[in-house]
Amino acid sequence: MVRTKTRPRTLEERYPNGPPDIKLPPKYRIVYNNRIFNDHTGAPALMSWESPGVQRSLPPLASWIFYMTHPDVPRDFDGSLFYSSLELDHQLCRGGSFRYEFFFLPGATAEECLTHFRGEMEVRGTIWRQISKVNEAMNLKKCGNGQGLEDDSAEESASDQDTATDSRLPGLVWPKSDGDCEREIYRGWFFMYPDADIECRTAEQKAREMYLVKFDPIPTPDWDEEVECTPSPMERPIVSRRMKAKDEDGFEDGIFGWMEMRKRSLWEQAADEATDNALELGWKSW
């Protein structure tokens, strides 16, 4: 059989009655929201998150916490310069939007950052207070009672009640059950950034080292030190690991690869759903 070359058909030849009327969704740009707030000590801190098309005053419930420990780091930077390019490099189409919170503790150790983290959580509670509040509001809406709750009347556990004067700050991430930490032997974590330059956009900047700090080990009764080649986590209540923001040698060897692999956890799914529902209800703050 002899193949003959044919010329490409013109648009008119392909669609003699005119091209099909295909409507594509409108393009939108990503907008980055930056908000300065006061932490539980009264010191200024920064939260940043992205939203599609327009600015949104309601930050996502899912979050990552960074402690900026260099004395010369700016207090009012654009958070997207820190995380946007790194997020794009590590996207696996998992999870929803996250907010980034930046606390400024010049020269702080991991233990001092942990003390601050616990103080912040004691005042603001965890994400589960907001998740419970949204769930009750959605139930009221389904029952025909309008837009649901607009105040703090949702049932919540004592450990998650707000004691802050600014009760509109979202709570911090805290996995509810051991089963939601199957990839980890520590329940809590945060990150430390020791550099003065906050931009992480070039290859050189993305190779900067940060610290992953994990704390509150989950009891593991059958831990075998000889098999694991390391002491029981119960003997090390806080551990830190120095990592690059992006590691070319292994996806999870970099901070943002590690973060990406922790998405789609039960806590993340619950936080993402609650954020979407709160936006549907028209909420502007938590």
Protein backbone atom coordinates (compact mmCIF):
# COMPACT_ATOMS: atom_id res chain seq x y z
CA MET A 1 0.00 0.00 0.00
CA VAL A 2 1.39 3.38 -1.01
CA ARG A 3 0.85 6.28 1.37
CA THR A 4 0.15 9.63 -0.23
CA LYS A 5 0.69 12.96 1.47
CA THR A 6 -2.38 15.09 1.95
CA ARG A 7 -2.48 18.75 2.82
CA PRO A 8 -4.03 19.84 6.12
CA ARG A 9 -7.68 20.77 5.82
CA THR A 10 -8.62 24.39 6.23
CA LEU A 11 -10.94 25.54 8.99
CA GLU A 12 -13.72 26.03 6.43
CA GLU A 13 -13.25 22.48 5.12
CA ARG A 14 -13.33 20.99 8.60
CA TYR A 15 -16.39 22.98 9.67
CA PRO A 16 -18.45 23.88 6.54
CA ASN A 17 -21.30 25.09 8.76
CA GLY A 18 -18.99 27.15 10.95
CA PRO A 19 -16.84 26.15 13.94
CA PRO A 20 -18.63 24.73 16.98
CA ASP A 21 -19.64 27.20 19.65
CA ILE A 22 -17.39 26.05 22.47
CA LYS A 23 -17.44 28.22 25.56
CA LEU A 24 -14.32 27.94 27.68
CA PRO A 25 -14.36 28.97 31.33
CA PRO A 26 -13.12 32.52 31.88
CA LYS A 27 -9.46 32.92 32.63
CA TYR A 28 -8.60 34.28 36.04
CA ARG A 29 -5.44 35.35 37.69
CA ILE A 30 -4.24 34.27 41.09
CA VAL A 31 -4.52 37.01 43.69
CA TYR A 32 -2.34 36.92 46.79
CA ASN A 33 -3.74 38.17 50.07
CA ASN A 34 -1.41 39.43 52.81
CA ARG A 35 -2.62 40.41 56.26
CA ILE A 36 -0.67 41.66 59.26
CA PHE A 37 -2.10 40.61 62.63
CA ASN A 38 -0.97 40.45 66.24
CA ASP A 39 0.04 37.14 67.76
CA HIS A 40 -0.83 36.11 71.32
CA THR A 41 2.08 38.19 72.68
CA GLY A 42 0.94 41.32 70.85
CA ALA A 43 3.80 41.16 68.34
CA PRO A 44 3.07 41.70 64.63
CA ALA A 45 2.84 38.58 62.46
CA LEU A 46 1.89 37.96 58.84
CA MET A 47 -0.49 35.58 57.13
CA SER A 48 -0.68 35.11 53.36
CA TRP A 49 -2.86 33.03 51.05
CA GLU A 50 -3.93 32.89 47.42
CA SER A 51 -7.40 33.20 45.94
CA PRO A 52 -8.70 32.89 42.36
CA GLY A 53 -9.50 36.13 40.58
CA VAL A 54 -10.33 38.41 43.51
CA GLN A 55 -9.07 39.13 46.98
CA ARG A 56 -10.79 37.19 49.74
CA SER A 57 -10.89 38.33 53.33
CA LEU A 58 -11.53 34.78 54.58
CA PRO A 59 -8.23 32.86 54.91
CA PRO A 60 -8.17 29.09 54.36
CA LEU A 61 -8.27 26.93 57.48
CA ALA A 62 -5.46 24.63 56.35
CA SER A 63 -2.14 26.25 57.14
CA TRP A 64 1.63 26.02 57.37
CA ILE A 65 3.48 27.82 60.17
CA PHE A 66 6.91 29.40 59.59
CA TYR A 67 9.16 31.02 62.19
CA MET A 68 11.43 33.67 60.70
CA THR A 69 14.48 33.72 62.96
CA HIS A 70 16.85 36.13 61.18
CA PRO A 71 16.89 39.58 62.86
CA ASP A 72 16.90 41.43 59.52
CA VAL A 73 13.95 39.70 57.86
CA PRO A 74 11.24 42.26 56.90
CA ARG A 75 7.99 42.20 58.87
CA ASP A 76 5.65 43.20 56.05
CA PHE A 77 6.82 41.28 52.98
CA ASP A 78 4.64 39.83 50.22
CA GLY A 79 4.21 36.22 51.30
CA SER A 80 3.77 35.03 47.72
CA LEU A 81 7.43 35.82 47.03
CA PHE A 82 8.26 33.14 49.57
CA TYR A 83 5.94 30.30 48.63
CA SER A 84 4.24 30.75 45.23
CA SER A 85 7.05 29.48 42.98
CA LEU A 86 7.90 26.63 45.36
CA GLU A 87 4.25 25.54 45.46
CA LEU A 88 4.14 25.52 41.66
CA ASP A 89 7.26 23.33 41.53
CA HIS A 90 5.72 20.71 43.79
CA GLN A 91 2.08 20.55 42.68
CA LEU A 92 0.66 17.03 42.60
CA CYS A 93 -2.96 18.20 42.25
CA ARG A 94 -3.62 17.33 45.88
CA GLY A 95 -5.45 19.29 48.52
CA GLY A 96 -6.91 22.77 48.54
CA SER A 97 -5.62 26.23 49.40
CA PHE A 98 -3.35 26.83 52.37
CA ARG A 99 -2.58 29.94 54.33
CA TYR A 100 0.97 30.64 55.42
CA GLU A 101 1.59 32.24 58.80
CA PHE A 102 4.92 33.92 59.51
CA PHE A 103 6.03 34.68 63.07
CA PHE A 104 9.14 36.73 63.76
CA LEU A 105 11.39 35.42 66.55
CA PRO A 106 14.95 36.67 65.90
CA GLY A 107 17.57 34.18 67.05
CA ALA A 108 15.00 31.78 68.50
CA THR A 109 15.76 28.10 69.03
CA ALA A 110 13.40 25.30 68.06
CA GLU A 111 12.36 24.99 71.71
CA GLU A 112 11.57 28.71 71.91
CA CYS A 113 9.53 28.51 68.71
CA LEU A 114 7.61 25.57 70.17
CA THR A 115 6.83 27.58 73.30
CA HIS A 116 5.44 30.34 71.09
CA PHE A 117 3.45 27.83 69.01
CA ARG A 118 1.83 26.36 72.12
CA GLY A 119 0.96 29.84 73.37
CA GLU A 120 -0.62 30.73 70.04
CA MET A 121 -2.66 27.53 69.99
CA GLU A 122 -3.79 28.02 73.58
CA VAL A 123 -5.23 31.41 72.65
CA ARG A 124 -6.62 30.63 69.18
CA GLY A 125 -7.52 26.97 69.52
CA THR A 126 -7.42 24.53 66.62
CA ILE A 127 -9.11 24.37 63.23
CA TRP A 128 -11.72 22.00 64.63
CA ARG A 129 -13.60 24.85 66.34
CA GLN A 130 -14.15 26.56 62.99
CA ILE A 131 -14.93 23.26 61.25
CA SER A 132 -17.61 22.52 63.86
CA LYS A 133 -19.03 26.02 63.49
CA VAL A 134 -19.27 25.72 59.70
CA ASN A 135 -20.84 22.27 59.87
CA GLU A 136 -23.57 23.54 62.18
CA ALA A 137 -24.21 26.54 59.93
CA MET A 138 -24.53 24.28 56.89
CA ASN A 139 -26.96 22.02 58.74
CA LEU A 140 -29.09 25.02 59.69
CA LYS A 141 -29.08 26.20 56.08
CA LYS A 142 -30.19 22.77 54.84
CA CYS A 143 -33.04 22.87 57.34
CA GLY A 144 -34.25 26.13 55.81
CA ASN A 145 -32.95 28.47 58.48
CA GLY A 146 -31.21 30.93 56.20
CA GLN A 147 -27.48 31.43 56.06
CA GLY A 148 -26.74 29.67 59.34
CA LEU A 149 -24.59 30.85 62.20
CA GLU A 150 -22.86 34.19 62.12
CA ASP A 151 -21.51 34.10 65.68
CA ASP A 152 -19.61 31.75 67.98
CA SER A 153 -22.63 29.74 69.14
CA ALA A 154 -21.50 26.50 67.48
CA GLU A 155 -20.83 23.66 69.88
CA GLU A 156 -17.11 23.22 70.50
CA SER A 157 -14.81 21.33 72.82
CA ALA A 158 -13.32 23.15 75.79
CA SER A 159 -9.82 22.80 74.36
CA ASP A 160 -10.85 24.58 71.18
CA GLN A 161 -12.69 27.55 72.66
CA ASP A 162 -11.33 30.98 71.76
CA THR A 163 -9.89 32.98 74.63
CA ALA A 164 -8.31 35.64 72.41
CA THR A 165 -9.64 39.16 72.18
CA ASP A 166 -9.52 38.72 68.39
CA SER A 167 -11.64 35.60 68.01
CA ARG A 168 -11.70 35.97 64.23
CA LEU A 169 -8.24 34.46 63.75
CA PRO A 170 -8.46 30.90 62.44
CA GLY A 171 -7.25 28.07 64.64
CA LEU A 172 -4.06 26.11 64.09
CA VAL A 173 -3.74 22.69 62.48
CA TRP A 174 -3.80 19.79 64.91
CA PRO A 175 -4.60 16.23 63.67
CA LYS A 176 -7.44 14.78 65.74
CA SER A 177 -6.46 11.12 65.70
CA ASP A 178 -3.36 8.96 65.48
CA GLY A 179 -4.77 7.48 62.28
CA ASP A 180 -4.42 10.86 60.57
CA CYS A 181 -0.68 10.76 61.25
CA GLU A 182 0.09 7.44 59.58
CA ARG A 183 3.10 8.90 57.78
CA GLU A 184 4.38 10.54 60.95
CA ILE A 185 5.31 9.59 64.49
CA TYR A 186 4.88 13.19 65.68
CA ARG A 187 1.54 14.95 65.85
CA GLY A 188 2.73 18.54 65.52
CA TRP A 189 5.11 20.41 63.23
CA PHE A 190 6.25 23.84 62.10
CA PHE A 191 9.11 25.29 60.06
CA MET A 192 12.02 27.62 60.82
CA TYR A 193 13.53 29.94 58.21
CA PRO A 194 16.94 31.39 59.21
CA ASP A 195 17.68 33.63 56.18
CA ALA A 196 17.11 37.39 55.84
CA ASP A 197 16.04 37.20 52.17
CA ILE A 198 12.47 35.93 51.94
CA GLU A 199 12.34 35.41 48.16
CA CYS A 200 12.41 31.78 47.03
CA ARG A 201 12.05 32.04 43.27
CA THR A 202 15.43 31.32 41.65
CA ALA A 203 17.18 27.95 41.75
CA GLU A 204 19.75 29.34 44.17
CA GLN A 205 17.09 30.74 46.48
CA LYS A 206 15.13 27.48 46.43
CA ALA A 207 18.26 25.62 47.54
CA ARG A 208 18.33 27.55 50.83
CA GLU A 209 18.11 25.45 53.95
CA MET A 210 15.19 25.58 56.34
CA TYR A 211 14.25 23.48 59.34
CA LEU A 212 11.36 21.08 59.79
CA VAL A 213 10.55 20.86 63.49
CA LYS A 214 8.32 18.05 64.76
CA PHE A 215 7.01 17.61 68.29
CA ASP A 216 4.58 15.68 70.51
CA PRO A 217 5.46 12.07 69.60
CA ILE A 218 2.62 9.60 69.20
CA PRO A 219 3.04 6.63 71.59
CA THR A 220 4.38 3.58 69.76
CA PRO A 221 4.37 0.64 72.21
CA ASP A 222 6.06 -1.80 69.81
CA TRP A 223 8.97 0.51 68.91
CA ASP A 224 12.14 -1.56 68.47
CA GLU A 225 15.27 0.57 68.73
CA GLU A 226 17.45 -2.11 67.13
CA VAL A 227 15.17 -2.43 64.11
CA GLU A 228 14.55 1.31 63.75
CA CYS A 229 18.20 2.17 64.51
CA THR A 230 17.05 5.16 66.54
CA PRO A 231 15.78 5.76 70.08
CA SER A 232 12.06 5.77 70.78
CA PRO A 233 10.37 9.04 69.78
CA MET A 234 9.02 9.25 73.33
CA GLU A 235 12.57 10.02 74.42
CA ARG A 236 12.79 12.88 71.92
CA PRO A 237 9.73 15.13 72.39
CA ILE A 238 11.02 17.62 69.80
CA VAL A 239 13.25 16.98 66.78
CA SER A 240 14.45 19.25 63.98
CA ARG A 241 15.74 18.40 60.52
CA ARG A 242 17.64 20.72 58.22
CA MET A 243 16.29 20.54 54.66
CA LYS A 244 16.41 22.55 51.46
CA ALA A 245 13.25 24.31 50.35
CA LYS A 246 13.51 22.29 47.14
CA ASP A 247 15.78 19.26 46.92
CA GLU A 248 16.71 18.02 43.45
CA ASP A 249 17.79 14.63 44.83
CA GLY A 250 14.40 13.62 46.20
CA PHE A 251 10.88 15.09 46.18
CA GLU A 252 10.23 14.57 49.89
CA ASP A 253 13.77 15.55 50.85
CA GLY A 254 12.79 19.19 50.37
CA ILE A 255 10.49 21.14 52.69
CA PHE A 256 7.84 21.85 50.06
CA GLY A 257 7.88 18.26 48.79
CA TRP A 258 7.35 17.10 52.38
CA MET A 259 4.44 19.53 52.68
CA GLU A 260 2.86 18.37 49.42
CA MET A 261 2.89 14.73 50.54
CA ARG A 262 1.01 15.66 53.73
CA LYS A 263 -1.91 17.06 51.79
CA ARG A 264 -5.14 15.08 51.50
CA SER A 265 -4.89 14.10 55.14
CA LEU A 266 -8.17 13.88 57.03
CA TRP A 267 -7.52 17.23 58.73
CA GLU A 268 -6.73 18.88 55.38
CA GLN A 269 -9.86 17.54 53.71
CA ALA A 270 -12.02 18.71 56.63
CA ALA A 271 -10.38 22.15 56.62
CA ASP A 272 -10.71 22.52 52.85
CA GLU A 273 -14.38 21.54 52.86
CA ALA A 274 -15.13 23.90 55.75
CA THR A 275 -13.39 26.78 53.95
CA ASP A 276 -15.40 26.18 50.77
CA ASN A 277 -18.65 25.97 52.74
CA ALA A 278 -17.87 29.16 54.67
CA LEU A 279 -17.29 30.99 51.38
CA GLU A 280 -20.59 29.60 50.08
CA LEU A 281 -22.29 30.96 53.20
CA GLY A 282 -20.80 34.36 52.48
CA TRP A 283 -18.56 34.50 55.55
CA LYS A 284 -15.89 37.21 55.54
CA SER A 285 -14.07 36.14 58.71
CA TRP A 286 -13.87 33.21 61.09
